[in-house]
Amino acid sequence: MNHAIEADLDRFDRRIVEELSRDGRMPVTTLAGRVGLTKTPCQTRLKRLVDSGVIRGFRAVVDPSRIGREHVAFVEVKLNDTTEAALSAFNKAVAALTEIEQCHMIAGPFDYLLKVRTRDIASYRRVLGEKISALPHVANTSTYVSMEAVKDTGA
């Protein structure tokens, strides 16, 4: 978060963000009551938070087991080229793969950490072999399979 924007958030803004993080479908009148404002000032603040990028959007929290995507693997990816052009090509290609739920550039012994969600280990193996290994500039990968999500807030 930009420190200038962060400094502009008062206690009402922070409460709005906190409440919507728990329930993004909450009606504005309910939100206003929970944060101690009337409807119009709450709507104005909410619009400002969205327009400034503090709130980037709203989404449904889906149960992965109900849609056949309960297998989670974390993949370390080492690239053979880390120029800006190579990083950009990798980033663009990763964004197109629906099985990759998260992608983080890492400062450490590898370049990226991916969170990959598939139906099962066989599906994951296909994604690794056909998609992840074929991403631009991938030199090697290491996979860690999640046995259980102890905490997953989705935030």
Protein backbone atom coordinates (compact mmCIF):
# COMPACT_ATOMS: atom_id res chain seq x y z
CA MET A 1 0.00 0.00 0.00
CA ASN A 2 1.23 3.49 -0.81
CA HIS A 3 2.29 5.17 2.43
CA ALA A 4 0.62 8.46 1.38
CA ILE A 5 -2.72 6.68 0.97
CA GLU A 6 -2.20 4.72 4.18
CA ALA A 7 -1.68 7.96 6.09
CA ASP A 8 -5.01 9.26 4.71
CA LEU A 9 -7.00 6.36 6.16
CA ASP A 10 -8.78 7.31 9.35
CA ARG A 11 -10.52 5.01 11.81
CA PHE A 12 -13.76 4.99 9.75
CA ASP A 13 -11.91 4.02 6.57
CA ARG A 14 -10.07 1.25 8.40
CA ARG A 15 -13.34 -0.07 9.86
CA ILE A 16 -14.96 -0.04 6.41
CA VAL A 17 -12.06 -2.08 5.01
CA GLU A 18 -12.17 -4.46 7.99
CA GLU A 19 -15.93 -5.01 7.75
CA LEU A 20 -15.92 -5.53 3.98
CA SER A 21 -13.00 -7.95 4.29
CA ARG A 22 -15.33 -10.15 6.32
CA ASP A 23 -18.46 -9.64 4.21
CA GLY A 24 -18.12 -7.91 0.85
CA ARG A 25 -21.84 -8.30 0.09
CA MET A 26 -22.96 -6.25 3.07
CA PRO A 27 -25.48 -3.51 2.15
CA VAL A 28 -24.16 0.03 2.60
CA THR A 29 -26.78 0.75 5.27
CA THR A 30 -25.54 -2.19 7.34
CA LEU A 31 -21.93 -1.19 6.76
CA ALA A 32 -22.67 2.38 7.80
CA GLY A 33 -24.25 1.20 11.04
CA ARG A 34 -21.31 -1.06 11.85
CA VAL A 35 -18.73 1.68 11.35
CA GLY A 36 -20.73 4.45 13.04
CA LEU A 37 -21.65 6.58 10.02
CA THR A 38 -24.83 7.43 8.15
CA LYS A 39 -25.40 5.98 4.68
CA THR A 40 -24.26 8.91 2.51
CA PRO A 41 -20.87 9.55 4.17
CA CYS A 42 -20.25 5.81 4.21
CA GLN A 43 -21.01 5.56 0.47
CA THR A 44 -18.69 8.51 -0.20
CA ARG A 45 -15.86 6.91 1.77
CA LEU A 46 -16.46 3.53 0.12
CA LYS A 47 -16.30 5.11 -3.35
CA ARG A 48 -13.05 6.89 -2.41
CA LEU A 49 -11.54 3.65 -1.10
CA VAL A 50 -12.42 1.88 -4.36
CA ASP A 51 -11.32 4.77 -6.62
CA SER A 52 -7.98 5.11 -4.81
CA GLY A 53 -7.27 1.38 -5.10
CA VAL A 54 -7.37 0.62 -1.38
CA ILE A 55 -10.27 -1.73 -2.16
CA ARG A 56 -9.33 -3.49 -5.39
CA GLY A 57 -12.57 -5.38 -5.88
CA PHE A 58 -15.07 -7.83 -4.48
CA ARG A 59 -15.25 -11.58 -5.03
CA ALA A 60 -16.93 -14.74 -3.89
CA VAL A 61 -15.06 -17.07 -1.53
CA VAL A 62 -15.50 -20.49 -3.11
CA ASP A 63 -15.13 -23.89 -1.46
CA PRO A 64 -12.46 -25.53 -3.66
CA SER A 65 -13.64 -29.06 -2.82
CA ARG A 66 -17.09 -28.24 -4.23
CA ILE A 67 -15.66 -27.29 -7.63
CA GLY A 68 -13.04 -30.02 -7.95
CA ARG A 69 -9.98 -27.95 -7.07
CA GLU A 70 -8.98 -29.16 -3.61
CA HIS A 71 -5.40 -30.29 -4.40
CA VAL A 72 -2.91 -27.54 -3.51
CA ALA A 73 0.74 -27.51 -4.45
CA PHE A 74 3.34 -24.82 -3.84
CA VAL A 75 5.96 -24.64 -6.54
CA GLU A 76 9.38 -23.03 -6.33
CA VAL A 77 10.43 -21.80 -9.77
CA LYS A 78 13.98 -20.94 -10.73
CA LEU A 79 14.45 -19.03 -13.99
CA ASN A 80 17.42 -19.27 -16.32
CA ASP A 81 17.19 -15.54 -17.10
CA THR A 82 16.17 -12.73 -14.74
CA THR A 83 16.39 -9.72 -17.03
CA GLU A 84 13.36 -7.42 -16.95
CA ALA A 85 12.22 -8.78 -20.32
CA ALA A 86 12.39 -12.38 -19.03
CA LEU A 87 10.57 -11.53 -15.80
CA SER A 88 7.88 -9.70 -17.76
CA ALA A 89 7.41 -12.64 -20.13
CA PHE A 90 7.14 -15.06 -17.21
CA ASN A 91 4.68 -12.81 -15.35
CA LYS A 92 2.45 -12.41 -18.39
CA ALA A 93 2.39 -16.16 -19.08
CA VAL A 94 1.61 -17.00 -15.42
CA ALA A 95 -1.35 -14.60 -15.44
CA ALA A 96 -2.95 -16.66 -18.23
CA LEU A 97 -2.92 -19.97 -16.29
CA THR A 98 -6.12 -20.49 -14.29
CA GLU A 99 -4.57 -23.27 -12.19
CA ILE A 100 -2.06 -20.80 -10.71
CA GLU A 101 -3.93 -19.13 -7.88
CA GLN A 102 -1.02 -17.02 -6.62
CA CYS A 103 2.41 -16.07 -7.93
CA HIS A 104 5.00 -14.28 -5.81
CA MET A 105 8.44 -13.07 -6.85
CA ILE A 106 10.81 -14.17 -4.09
CA ALA A 107 14.10 -12.79 -2.80
CA GLY A 108 16.00 -15.98 -2.08
CA PRO A 109 17.42 -19.14 -3.65
CA PHE A 110 14.62 -19.35 -6.25
CA ASP A 111 12.76 -16.69 -8.21
CA TYR A 112 9.03 -17.36 -7.83
CA LEU A 113 6.66 -19.21 -5.53
CA LEU A 114 3.41 -20.40 -7.10
CA LYS A 115 0.26 -21.65 -5.40
CA VAL A 116 -1.32 -24.14 -7.80
CA ARG A 117 -4.80 -25.57 -7.34
CA THR A 118 -6.01 -28.65 -9.26
CA ARG A 119 -8.41 -31.58 -8.88
CA ASP A 120 -5.82 -34.16 -7.78
CA ILE A 121 -2.14 -35.13 -7.99
CA ALA A 122 -2.55 -36.53 -11.53
CA SER A 123 -4.04 -33.23 -12.70
CA TYR A 124 -1.26 -31.34 -10.97
CA ARG A 125 1.36 -33.51 -12.70
CA ARG A 126 -0.13 -32.61 -16.09
CA VAL A 127 -0.20 -28.89 -15.22
CA LEU A 128 3.42 -29.06 -14.07
CA GLY A 129 4.64 -30.94 -17.11
CA GLU A 130 2.59 -29.23 -19.79
CA LYS A 131 2.11 -25.70 -18.49
CA ILE A 132 4.42 -24.65 -15.65
CA SER A 133 7.57 -26.24 -17.09
CA ALA A 134 6.73 -24.64 -20.45
CA LEU A 135 6.53 -21.10 -19.01
CA PRO A 136 9.15 -18.71 -20.42
CA HIS A 137 12.66 -19.05 -18.93
CA VAL A 138 11.85 -21.83 -16.42
CA ALA A 139 15.09 -23.63 -15.51
CA ASN A 140 13.73 -25.92 -12.78
CA THR A 141 10.94 -26.37 -10.26
CA SER A 142 10.42 -27.95 -6.84
CA THR A 143 6.97 -28.93 -5.62
CA TYR A 144 5.55 -29.07 -2.09
CA VAL A 145 2.08 -30.59 -1.72
CA SER A 146 -0.22 -29.20 0.95
CA MET A 147 -1.73 -31.87 3.19
CA GLU A 148 -4.12 -29.50 4.98
CA ALA A 149 -4.90 -25.78 5.00
CA VAL A 150 -4.61 -24.76 8.64
CA LYS A 151 -5.41 -21.11 7.89
CA ASP A 152 -6.59 -19.67 4.59
CA THR A 153 -8.34 -16.33 4.91
CA GLY A 154 -8.21 -15.54 1.21
CA ALA A 155 -7.38 -11.94 2.15
